[in-house]
Amino acid sequence: RREKRFTSILGRLRLNRAYYHCPDCGYGHHPRDRALGMEGTSLSPGATRLTGFAAAETSFERSRQLLKVLAGLAVSAKQAESAACRGTGHDLPPFAQRVAREAKRQAVLGDGAAWIWNTVSEQFPQAIQIVDLFHAKERLWKVARDAYGNGSDLAAAWAAVGYVQNNRDRMRYAEFRRQGLCVSSGVVESGCKQVVGHRLKRGGMHWTVTGGNAIIALKCCILSNRFEDFWARRARPATDLIEDSLSDGNAKSTGLKPKSRPLKAA
């Protein structure tokens, strides 16, 4: 048995738990850490939840200070960073993951880039596709300048015609507005400034792509009132393991054979 010291919302605690080691492969682990949701961390789930919320709102150093004053939690800036960035890895690229999480939306708004609509058609083909109104206007004004201004370029005009032709079904703005749909990306761009800029672009901040994606995903959960859903989903594997452990223990006490279960990815 080995001792683990960790920080909880009640302060510093100690936990004595069993350690298992395989002499053949050299691998060892603490099953209790995984069951309690504390594998690879010195923060309890409750302390991780508070730390992650604070770190999504402000800098890691400022989070450390606020947690100390408001909750009496003694965490380092590095622990705040780790708590906010855990639990975001999957097989899909980060952008595709973000798109997939929003797959229940009714409409997708973008410019005329072909890759956007290829992604939309592949991920959720039933969604309404809308070309940003201002991108469309910008292209039309370019045609007007090229056709009637100095240095008229017929090729550029024909390129704009192709843009409108290819996106005509995505430019039914009157119909979209009657459905209460947004036809301009201005609100999205403003959201990017408020969410991404406010958290990631402060003085002296430097980010990796992985860290930036993780902290913005967490902040979006908070602003979308989905933080509790995110936390319940993140904590579910630990809960499943506890239930499995209890079921196996009851089976042993009654002499029954434990029910077989499919292996779960860690």
C-alpha atoms as a PDB file:
ATOM      1  CA  ARG A   1       0.000   0.000   0.000  1.00  0.00           C
ATOM      2  CA  ARG A   2       1.178   3.495  -0.811  1.00  0.00           C
ATOM      3  CA  GLU A   3       0.232   6.941   0.396  1.00  0.00           C
ATOM      4  CA  LYS A   4      -1.083   9.705  -1.878  1.00  0.00           C
ATOM      5  CA  ARG A   5      -1.293  13.313  -0.743  1.00  0.00           C
ATOM      6  CA  PHE A   6      -3.805  15.424  -2.612  1.00  0.00           C
ATOM      7  CA  THR A   7      -5.652  18.726  -2.423  1.00  0.00           C
ATOM      8  CA  SER A   8      -9.424  18.662  -1.953  1.00  0.00           C
ATOM      9  CA  ILE A   9     -12.023  21.355  -1.370  1.00  0.00           C
ATOM     10  CA  LEU A  10     -11.554  20.561   2.339  1.00  0.00           C
ATOM     11  CA  GLY A  11      -7.805  21.100   2.199  1.00  0.00           C
ATOM     12  CA  ARG A  12      -4.834  18.718   2.043  1.00  0.00           C
ATOM     13  CA  LEU A  13      -5.706  15.036   2.620  1.00  0.00           C
ATOM     14  CA  ARG A  14      -3.927  11.697   2.605  1.00  0.00           C
ATOM     15  CA  LEU A  15      -5.102   8.450   1.051  1.00  0.00           C
ATOM     16  CA  ASN A  16      -3.605   5.003   1.587  1.00  0.00           C
ATOM     17  CA  ARG A  17      -4.389   2.757  -1.371  1.00  0.00           C
ATOM     18  CA  ALA A  18      -3.218  -0.513  -2.875  1.00  0.00           C
ATOM     19  CA  TYR A  19      -0.530  -0.594  -5.544  1.00  0.00           C
ATOM     20  CA  TYR A  20      -0.386  -3.433  -8.066  1.00  0.00           C
ATOM     21  CA  HIS A  21       2.713  -4.318 -10.057  1.00  0.00           C
ATOM     22  CA  CYS A  22       3.345  -6.818 -12.855  1.00  0.00           C
ATOM     23  CA  PRO A  23       6.855  -8.314 -12.624  1.00  0.00           C
ATOM     24  CA  ASP A  24       6.714  -9.523 -16.236  1.00  0.00           C
ATOM     25  CA  CYS A  25       5.960  -6.231 -18.008  1.00  0.00           C
ATOM     26  CA  GLY A  26       7.056  -3.858 -15.245  1.00  0.00           C
ATOM     27  CA  TYR A  27       3.734  -1.977 -15.259  1.00  0.00           C
ATOM     28  CA  GLY A  28       2.210  -0.808 -11.983  1.00  0.00           C
ATOM     29  CA  HIS A  29      -0.894   1.183 -11.094  1.00  0.00           C
ATOM     30  CA  HIS A  30      -3.285   2.282  -8.345  1.00  0.00           C
ATOM     31  CA  PRO A  31      -6.872   1.217  -9.219  1.00  0.00           C
ATOM     32  CA  ARG A  32      -8.300   3.457  -6.486  1.00  0.00           C
ATOM     33  CA  ASP A  33      -6.847   6.563  -8.141  1.00  0.00           C
ATOM     34  CA  ARG A  34      -8.707   5.770 -11.334  1.00  0.00           C
ATOM     35  CA  ALA A  35     -11.927   4.890  -9.506  1.00  0.00           C
ATOM     36  CA  LEU A  36     -11.843   8.215  -7.643  1.00  0.00           C
ATOM     37  CA  GLY A  37     -10.954  10.252 -10.735  1.00  0.00           C
ATOM     38  CA  MET A  38      -7.519  11.199  -9.414  1.00  0.00           C
ATOM     39  CA  GLU A  39      -5.227   9.242 -11.703  1.00  0.00           C
ATOM     40  CA  GLY A  40      -2.206  11.339 -12.650  1.00  0.00           C
ATOM     41  CA  THR A  41      -3.256  14.345 -10.593  1.00  0.00           C
ATOM     42  CA  SER A  42      -2.886  15.634  -7.041  1.00  0.00           C
ATOM     43  CA  LEU A  43      -6.299  17.364  -7.069  1.00  0.00           C
ATOM     44  CA  SER A  44      -9.587  15.774  -6.060  1.00  0.00           C
ATOM     45  CA  PRO A  45     -12.461  15.897  -8.592  1.00  0.00           C
ATOM     46  CA  GLY A  46     -14.082  18.720  -6.617  1.00  0.00           C
ATOM     47  CA  ALA A  47     -10.894  20.762  -6.508  1.00  0.00           C
ATOM     48  CA  THR A  48     -10.269  20.068 -10.201  1.00  0.00           C
ATOM     49  CA  ARG A  49     -13.768  21.321 -11.037  1.00  0.00           C
ATOM     50  CA  LEU A  50     -13.259  24.608  -9.169  1.00  0.00           C
ATOM     51  CA  THR A  51      -9.780  25.064 -10.616  1.00  0.00           C
ATOM     52  CA  GLY A  52     -10.900  24.354 -14.163  1.00  0.00           C
ATOM     53  CA  PHE A  53     -13.742  26.877 -13.911  1.00  0.00           C
ATOM     54  CA  ALA A  54     -11.414  29.604 -12.643  1.00  0.00           C
ATOM     55  CA  ALA A  55      -8.702  28.829 -15.210  1.00  0.00           C
ATOM     56  CA  ALA A  56     -11.210  29.110 -18.059  1.00  0.00           C
ATOM     57  CA  GLU A  57     -12.078  32.641 -16.979  1.00  0.00           C
ATOM     58  CA  THR A  58      -8.692  34.188 -16.257  1.00  0.00           C
ATOM     59  CA  SER A  59      -4.967  33.502 -16.362  1.00  0.00           C
ATOM     60  CA  PHE A  60      -3.544  30.497 -14.566  1.00  0.00           C
ATOM     61  CA  GLU A  61      -1.618  32.682 -12.129  1.00  0.00           C
ATOM     62  CA  ARG A  62      -4.687  34.782 -11.389  1.00  0.00           C
ATOM     63  CA  SER A  63      -6.703  31.580 -10.959  1.00  0.00           C
ATOM     64  CA  ARG A  64      -4.220  30.426  -8.336  1.00  0.00           C
ATOM     65  CA  GLN A  65      -4.653  33.676  -6.421  1.00  0.00           C
ATOM     66  CA  LEU A  66      -8.455  33.647  -6.603  1.00  0.00           C
ATOM     67  CA  LEU A  67      -8.717  30.026  -5.485  1.00  0.00           C
ATOM     68  CA  LYS A  68      -6.513  30.770  -2.493  1.00  0.00           C
ATOM     69  CA  VAL A  69      -8.532  33.817  -1.399  1.00  0.00           C
ATOM     70  CA  LEU A  70     -12.069  32.649  -2.246  1.00  0.00           C
ATOM     71  CA  ALA A  71     -11.902  28.891  -1.591  1.00  0.00           C
ATOM     72  CA  GLY A  72      -8.767  28.390   0.511  1.00  0.00           C
ATOM     73  CA  LEU A  73      -7.336  26.068  -2.146  1.00  0.00           C
ATOM     74  CA  ALA A  74      -3.552  26.006  -2.422  1.00  0.00           C
ATOM     75  CA  VAL A  75      -2.881  25.161  -6.083  1.00  0.00           C
ATOM     76  CA  SER A  76      -0.030  26.209  -8.331  1.00  0.00           C
ATOM     77  CA  ALA A  77      -0.413  27.944 -11.693  1.00  0.00           C
ATOM     78  CA  LYS A  78       0.781  24.713 -13.318  1.00  0.00           C
ATOM     79  CA  GLN A  79      -1.918  22.720 -11.550  1.00  0.00           C
ATOM     80  CA  ALA A  80      -4.512  25.215 -12.771  1.00  0.00           C
ATOM     81  CA  GLU A  81      -3.290  24.737 -16.338  1.00  0.00           C
ATOM     82  CA  SER A  82      -3.360  20.958 -16.033  1.00  0.00           C
ATOM     83  CA  ALA A  83      -6.863  20.920 -14.507  1.00  0.00           C
ATOM     84  CA  ALA A  84      -8.258  23.078 -17.326  1.00  0.00           C
ATOM     85  CA  CYS A  85      -6.656  21.113 -20.146  1.00  0.00           C
ATOM     86  CA  ARG A  86      -7.448  17.531 -19.118  1.00  0.00           C
ATOM     87  CA  GLY A  87     -10.037  15.338 -20.812  1.00  0.00           C
ATOM     88  CA  THR A  88     -10.140  16.836 -24.314  1.00  0.00           C
ATOM     89  CA  GLY A  89      -8.324  14.260 -26.477  1.00  0.00           C
ATOM     90  CA  HIS A  90     -10.052  12.084 -29.122  1.00  0.00           C
ATOM     91  CA  ASP A  91      -9.215  10.586 -32.489  1.00  0.00           C
ATOM     92  CA  LEU A  92     -10.666  13.442 -34.552  1.00  0.00           C
ATOM     93  CA  PRO A  93      -8.640  16.625 -35.149  1.00  0.00           C
ATOM     94  CA  PRO A  94      -9.509  19.405 -32.663  1.00  0.00           C
ATOM     95  CA  PHE A  95     -11.510  21.451 -35.193  1.00  0.00           C
ATOM     96  CA  ALA A  96     -13.495  18.412 -36.324  1.00  0.00           C
ATOM     97  CA  GLN A  97     -14.247  17.587 -32.677  1.00  0.00           C
ATOM     98  CA  ARG A  98     -15.592  21.082 -32.129  1.00  0.00           C
ATOM     99  CA  VAL A  99     -17.770  20.823 -35.246  1.00  0.00           C
ATOM    100  CA  ALA A 100     -19.074  17.402 -34.208  1.00  0.00           C
ATOM    101  CA  ARG A 101     -20.106  18.699 -30.772  1.00  0.00           C
ATOM    102  CA  GLU A 102     -22.290  21.312 -32.452  1.00  0.00           C
ATOM    103  CA  ALA A 103     -23.842  18.854 -34.903  1.00  0.00           C
ATOM    104  CA  LYS A 104     -27.371  19.425 -33.585  1.00  0.00           C
ATOM    105  CA  ARG A 105     -27.430  23.042 -34.736  1.00  0.00           C
ATOM    106  CA  GLN A 106     -29.941  23.852 -37.475  1.00  0.00           C
ATOM    107  CA  ALA A 107     -27.736  25.971 -39.709  1.00  0.00           C
ATOM    108  CA  VAL A 108     -24.085  26.472 -40.616  1.00  0.00           C
ATOM    109  CA  LEU A 109     -22.834  29.928 -41.583  1.00  0.00           C
ATOM    110  CA  GLY A 110     -19.589  30.391 -43.519  1.00  0.00           C
ATOM    111  CA  ASP A 111     -17.932  32.063 -46.469  1.00  0.00           C
ATOM    112  CA  GLY A 112     -17.710  30.535 -49.939  1.00  0.00           C
ATOM    113  CA  ALA A 113     -14.675  28.347 -49.265  1.00  0.00           C
ATOM    114  CA  ALA A 114     -15.256  24.868 -50.651  1.00  0.00           C
ATOM    115  CA  TRP A 115     -13.585  23.095 -47.710  1.00  0.00           C
ATOM    116  CA  ILE A 116     -16.164  24.516 -45.299  1.00  0.00           C
ATOM    117  CA  TRP A 117     -19.109  23.123 -47.218  1.00  0.00           C
ATOM    118  CA  ASN A 118     -17.361  19.805 -47.797  1.00  0.00           C
ATOM    119  CA  THR A 119     -16.971  19.486 -44.026  1.00  0.00           C
ATOM    120  CA  VAL A 120     -20.592  20.480 -43.440  1.00  0.00           C
ATOM    121  CA  SER A 121     -21.927  18.034 -46.022  1.00  0.00           C
ATOM    122  CA  GLU A 122     -19.879  15.216 -44.545  1.00  0.00           C
ATOM    123  CA  GLN A 123     -20.526  15.864 -40.852  1.00  0.00           C
ATOM    124  CA  PHE A 124     -24.192  16.892 -40.843  1.00  0.00           C
ATOM    125  CA  PRO A 125     -25.769  16.917 -44.319  1.00  0.00           C
ATOM    126  CA  GLN A 126     -29.224  17.909 -43.001  1.00  0.00           C
ATOM    127  CA  ALA A 127     -28.071  21.343 -41.810  1.00  0.00           C
ATOM    128  CA  ILE A 128     -29.079  24.526 -43.645  1.00  0.00           C
ATOM    129  CA  GLN A 129     -26.044  26.074 -45.352  1.00  0.00           C
ATOM    130  CA  ILE A 130     -25.791  29.878 -45.454  1.00  0.00           C
ATOM    131  CA  VAL A 131     -23.092  31.981 -47.090  1.00  0.00           C
ATOM    132  CA  ASP A 132     -22.222  35.011 -44.990  1.00  0.00           C
ATOM    133  CA  LEU A 133     -24.054  38.001 -46.470  1.00  0.00           C
ATOM    134  CA  PHE A 134     -21.092  40.339 -46.197  1.00  0.00           C
ATOM    135  CA  HIS A 135     -18.786  37.895 -47.967  1.00  0.00           C
ATOM    136  CA  ALA A 136     -21.296  37.740 -50.806  1.00  0.00           C
ATOM    137  CA  LYS A 137     -21.571  41.547 -50.947  1.00  0.00           C
ATOM    138  CA  GLU A 138     -17.791  41.868 -50.940  1.00  0.00           C
ATOM    139  CA  ARG A 139     -17.513  39.572 -53.945  1.00  0.00           C
ATOM    140  CA  LEU A 140     -20.232  41.463 -55.835  1.00  0.00           C
ATOM    141  CA  TRP A 141     -18.559  44.809 -55.173  1.00  0.00           C
ATOM    142  CA  LYS A 142     -15.330  43.359 -56.499  1.00  0.00           C
ATOM    143  CA  VAL A 143     -17.140  42.501 -59.727  1.00  0.00           C
ATOM    144  CA  ALA A 144     -18.512  46.040 -59.976  1.00  0.00           C
ATOM    145  CA  ARG A 145     -15.084  47.600 -59.472  1.00  0.00           C
ATOM    146  CA  ASP A 146     -13.482  45.268 -61.971  1.00  0.00           C
ATOM    147  CA  ALA A 147     -16.224  45.781 -64.556  1.00  0.00           C
ATOM    148  CA  TYR A 148     -16.607  49.556 -64.353  1.00  0.00           C
ATOM    149  CA  GLY A 149     -13.484  50.876 -62.674  1.00  0.00           C
ATOM    150  CA  ASN A 150     -10.001  51.384 -64.044  1.00  0.00           C
ATOM    151  CA  GLY A 151      -8.206  48.198 -65.037  1.00  0.00           C
ATOM    152  CA  SER A 152     -11.360  46.164 -65.626  1.00  0.00           C
ATOM    153  CA  ASP A 153     -10.617  42.449 -65.520  1.00  0.00           C
ATOM    154  CA  LEU A 154     -13.187  40.199 -67.197  1.00  0.00           C
ATOM    155  CA  ALA A 155     -11.617  37.088 -65.700  1.00  0.00           C
ATOM    156  CA  ALA A 156     -12.163  38.358 -62.171  1.00  0.00           C
ATOM    157  CA  ALA A 157     -15.782  39.148 -62.993  1.00  0.00           C
ATOM    158  CA  TRP A 158     -16.352  35.637 -64.294  1.00  0.00           C
ATOM    159  CA  ALA A 159     -14.752  34.228 -61.126  1.00  0.00           C
ATOM    160  CA  ALA A 160     -17.340  36.120 -59.051  1.00  0.00           C
ATOM    161  CA  VAL A 161     -20.146  34.821 -61.228  1.00  0.00           C
ATOM    162  CA  GLY A 162     -18.931  31.315 -60.495  1.00  0.00           C
ATOM    163  CA  TYR A 163     -18.920  32.103 -56.764  1.00  0.00           C
ATOM    164  CA  VAL A 164     -22.566  33.188 -56.858  1.00  0.00           C
ATOM    165  CA  GLN A 165     -23.566  30.295 -59.106  1.00  0.00           C
ATOM    166  CA  ASN A 166     -21.966  27.702 -56.826  1.00  0.00           C
ATOM    167  CA  ASN A 167     -23.484  29.212 -53.672  1.00  0.00           C
ATOM    168  CA  ARG A 168     -26.926  30.293 -54.928  1.00  0.00           C
ATOM    169  CA  ASP A 169     -28.752  27.794 -52.688  1.00  0.00           C
ATOM    170  CA  ARG A 170     -26.857  29.186 -49.710  1.00  0.00           C
ATOM    171  CA  MET A 171     -27.806  32.789 -50.504  1.00  0.00           C
ATOM    172  CA  ARG A 172     -31.599  32.650 -50.029  1.00  0.00           C
ATOM    173  CA  TYR A 173     -31.347  35.406 -47.446  1.00  0.00           C
ATOM    174  CA  ALA A 174     -34.995  36.477 -47.378  1.00  0.00           C
ATOM    175  CA  GLU A 175     -36.081  32.903 -46.730  1.00  0.00           C
ATOM    176  CA  PHE A 176     -33.428  32.384 -44.069  1.00  0.00           C
ATOM    177  CA  ARG A 177     -34.461  35.563 -42.267  1.00  0.00           C
ATOM    178  CA  ARG A 178     -38.097  34.471 -42.239  1.00  0.00           C
ATOM    179  CA  GLN A 179     -36.924  31.363 -40.399  1.00  0.00           C
ATOM    180  CA  GLY A 180     -35.142  33.526 -37.836  1.00  0.00           C
ATOM    181  CA  LEU A 181     -31.686  32.429 -38.977  1.00  0.00           C
ATOM    182  CA  CYS A 182     -28.614  34.632 -38.892  1.00  0.00           C
ATOM    183  CA  VAL A 183     -27.199  35.484 -42.341  1.00  0.00           C
ATOM    184  CA  SER A 184     -24.093  37.369 -41.227  1.00  0.00           C
ATOM    185  CA  SER A 185     -21.010  36.070 -39.439  1.00  0.00           C
ATOM    186  CA  GLY A 186     -20.562  39.336 -37.530  1.00  0.00           C
ATOM    187  CA  VAL A 187     -22.064  37.876 -34.368  1.00  0.00           C
ATOM    188  CA  VAL A 188     -19.727  34.888 -34.633  1.00  0.00           C
ATOM    189  CA  GLU A 189     -16.682  37.087 -35.169  1.00  0.00           C
ATOM    190  CA  SER A 190     -17.710  39.207 -32.188  1.00  0.00           C
ATOM    191  CA  GLY A 191     -18.019  36.047 -30.119  1.00  0.00           C
ATOM    192  CA  CYS A 192     -14.514  35.012 -31.159  1.00  0.00           C
ATOM    193  CA  LYS A 193     -13.165  38.335 -29.945  1.00  0.00           C
ATOM    194  CA  GLN A 194     -15.013  38.108 -26.653  1.00  0.00           C
ATOM    195  CA  VAL A 195     -14.237  34.446 -25.984  1.00  0.00           C
ATOM    196  CA  VAL A 196     -10.909  33.729 -27.656  1.00  0.00           C
ATOM    197  CA  GLY A 197      -9.377  37.191 -27.539  1.00  0.00           C
ATOM    198  CA  HIS A 198     -10.382  37.874 -23.954  1.00  0.00           C
ATOM    199  CA  ARG A 199      -8.825  34.627 -22.671  1.00  0.00           C
ATOM    200  CA  LEU A 200      -5.925  33.851 -25.010  1.00  0.00           C
ATOM    201  CA  LYS A 201      -4.625  37.208 -26.179  1.00  0.00           C
ATOM    202  CA  ARG A 202      -3.681  38.912 -22.953  1.00  0.00           C
ATOM    203  CA  GLY A 203      -0.256  40.416 -22.511  1.00  0.00           C
ATOM    204  CA  GLY A 204       2.566  37.919 -22.081  1.00  0.00           C
ATOM    205  CA  MET A 205       0.485  34.846 -22.885  1.00  0.00           C
ATOM    206  CA  HIS A 206       1.911  32.085 -25.080  1.00  0.00           C
ATOM    207  CA  TRP A 207      -0.085  28.995 -26.070  1.00  0.00           C
ATOM    208  CA  THR A 208       0.364  25.646 -27.727  1.00  0.00           C
ATOM    209  CA  VAL A 209      -2.405  24.577 -30.104  1.00  0.00           C
ATOM    210  CA  THR A 210      -3.424  21.780 -27.734  1.00  0.00           C
ATOM    211  CA  GLY A 211      -3.545  24.062 -24.695  1.00  0.00           C
ATOM    212  CA  GLY A 212      -5.422  26.813 -26.521  1.00  0.00           C
ATOM    213  CA  ASN A 213      -8.033  24.386 -27.846  1.00  0.00           C
ATOM    214  CA  ALA A 214      -8.575  22.889 -24.405  1.00  0.00           C
ATOM    215  CA  ILE A 215      -9.014  26.164 -22.519  1.00  0.00           C
ATOM    216  CA  ILE A 216     -11.361  27.651 -25.135  1.00  0.00           C
ATOM    217  CA  ALA A 217     -13.473  24.485 -25.214  1.00  0.00           C
ATOM    218  CA  LEU A 218     -13.847  24.764 -21.440  1.00  0.00           C
ATOM    219  CA  LYS A 219     -14.685  28.476 -21.583  1.00  0.00           C
ATOM    220  CA  CYS A 220     -17.305  27.843 -24.282  1.00  0.00           C
ATOM    221  CA  CYS A 221     -18.927  25.244 -22.017  1.00  0.00           C
ATOM    222  CA  ILE A 222     -19.181  27.855 -19.272  1.00  0.00           C
ATOM    223  CA  LEU A 223     -20.581  30.604 -21.508  1.00  0.00           C
ATOM    224  CA  SER A 224     -23.065  28.187 -23.105  1.00  0.00           C
ATOM    225  CA  ASN A 225     -24.345  27.073 -19.675  1.00  0.00           C
ATOM    226  CA  ARG A 226     -23.065  23.559 -20.364  1.00  0.00           C
ATOM    227  CA  PHE A 227     -20.309  23.377 -17.764  1.00  0.00           C
ATOM    228  CA  GLU A 228     -22.293  21.004 -15.533  1.00  0.00           C
ATOM    229  CA  ASP A 229     -23.034  18.718 -18.493  1.00  0.00           C
ATOM    230  CA  PHE A 230     -19.351  18.734 -19.420  1.00  0.00           C
ATOM    231  CA  TRP A 231     -18.354  17.891 -15.867  1.00  0.00           C
ATOM    232  CA  ALA A 232     -20.889  15.069 -15.616  1.00  0.00           C
ATOM    233  CA  ARG A 233     -19.604  13.594 -18.892  1.00  0.00           C
ATOM    234  CA  ARG A 234     -15.977  13.898 -17.791  1.00  0.00           C
ATOM    235  CA  ALA A 235     -16.667  12.267 -14.408  1.00  0.00           C
ATOM    236  CA  ARG A 236     -18.708   9.380 -15.853  1.00  0.00           C
ATOM    237  CA  PRO A 237     -15.804   6.921 -16.428  1.00  0.00           C
ATOM    238  CA  ALA A 238     -14.767   7.182 -12.782  1.00  0.00           C
ATOM    239  CA  THR A 239     -18.370   6.562 -11.690  1.00  0.00           C
ATOM    240  CA  ASP A 240     -18.615   3.525 -13.943  1.00  0.00           C
ATOM    241  CA  LEU A 241     -15.432   2.111 -12.421  1.00  0.00           C
ATOM    242  CA  ILE A 242     -16.739   2.609  -8.890  1.00  0.00           C
ATOM    243  CA  GLU A 243     -19.996   0.833  -9.797  1.00  0.00           C
ATOM    244  CA  ASP A 244     -18.012  -2.003 -11.367  1.00  0.00           C
ATOM    245  CA  SER A 245     -15.893  -2.292  -8.234  1.00  0.00           C
ATOM    246  CA  LEU A 246     -18.946  -2.373  -5.968  1.00  0.00           C
ATOM    247  CA  SER A 247     -20.675  -4.947  -8.156  1.00  0.00           C
ATOM    248  CA  ASP A 248     -17.627  -7.197  -8.149  1.00  0.00           C
ATOM    249  CA  GLY A 249     -17.317  -6.828  -4.382  1.00  0.00           C
ATOM    250  CA  ASN A 250     -20.953  -7.792  -3.837  1.00  0.00           C
ATOM    251  CA  ALA A 251     -20.523 -10.764  -6.129  1.00  0.00           C
ATOM    252  CA  LYS A 252     -17.519 -11.990  -4.166  1.00  0.00           C
ATOM    253  CA  SER A 253     -19.349 -11.641  -0.842  1.00  0.00           C
ATOM    254  CA  THR A 254     -22.300 -13.678  -2.134  1.00  0.00           C
ATOM    255  CA  GLY A 255     -20.215 -16.263  -3.956  1.00  0.00           C
ATOM    256  CA  LEU A 256     -21.656 -15.258  -7.340  1.00  0.00           C
ATOM    257  CA  LYS A 257     -19.526 -14.929 -10.434  1.00  0.00           C
ATOM    258  CA  PRO A 258     -19.108 -11.238 -11.491  1.00  0.00           C
ATOM    259  CA  LYS A 259     -20.986 -10.280 -14.623  1.00  0.00           C
ATOM    260  CA  SER A 260     -18.629  -9.963 -17.580  1.00  0.00           C
ATOM    261  CA  ARG A 261     -18.288  -6.471 -19.076  1.00  0.00           C
ATOM    262  CA  PRO A 262     -16.635  -5.221 -22.264  1.00  0.00           C
ATOM    263  CA  LEU A 263     -13.301  -3.504 -21.762  1.00  0.00           C
ATOM    264  CA  LYS A 264     -13.482   0.308 -21.684  1.00  0.00           C
ATOM    265  CA  ALA A 265     -10.885   2.656 -23.057  1.00  0.00           C
ATOM    266  CA  ALA A 266      -9.018   4.509 -20.294  1.00  0.00           C
END
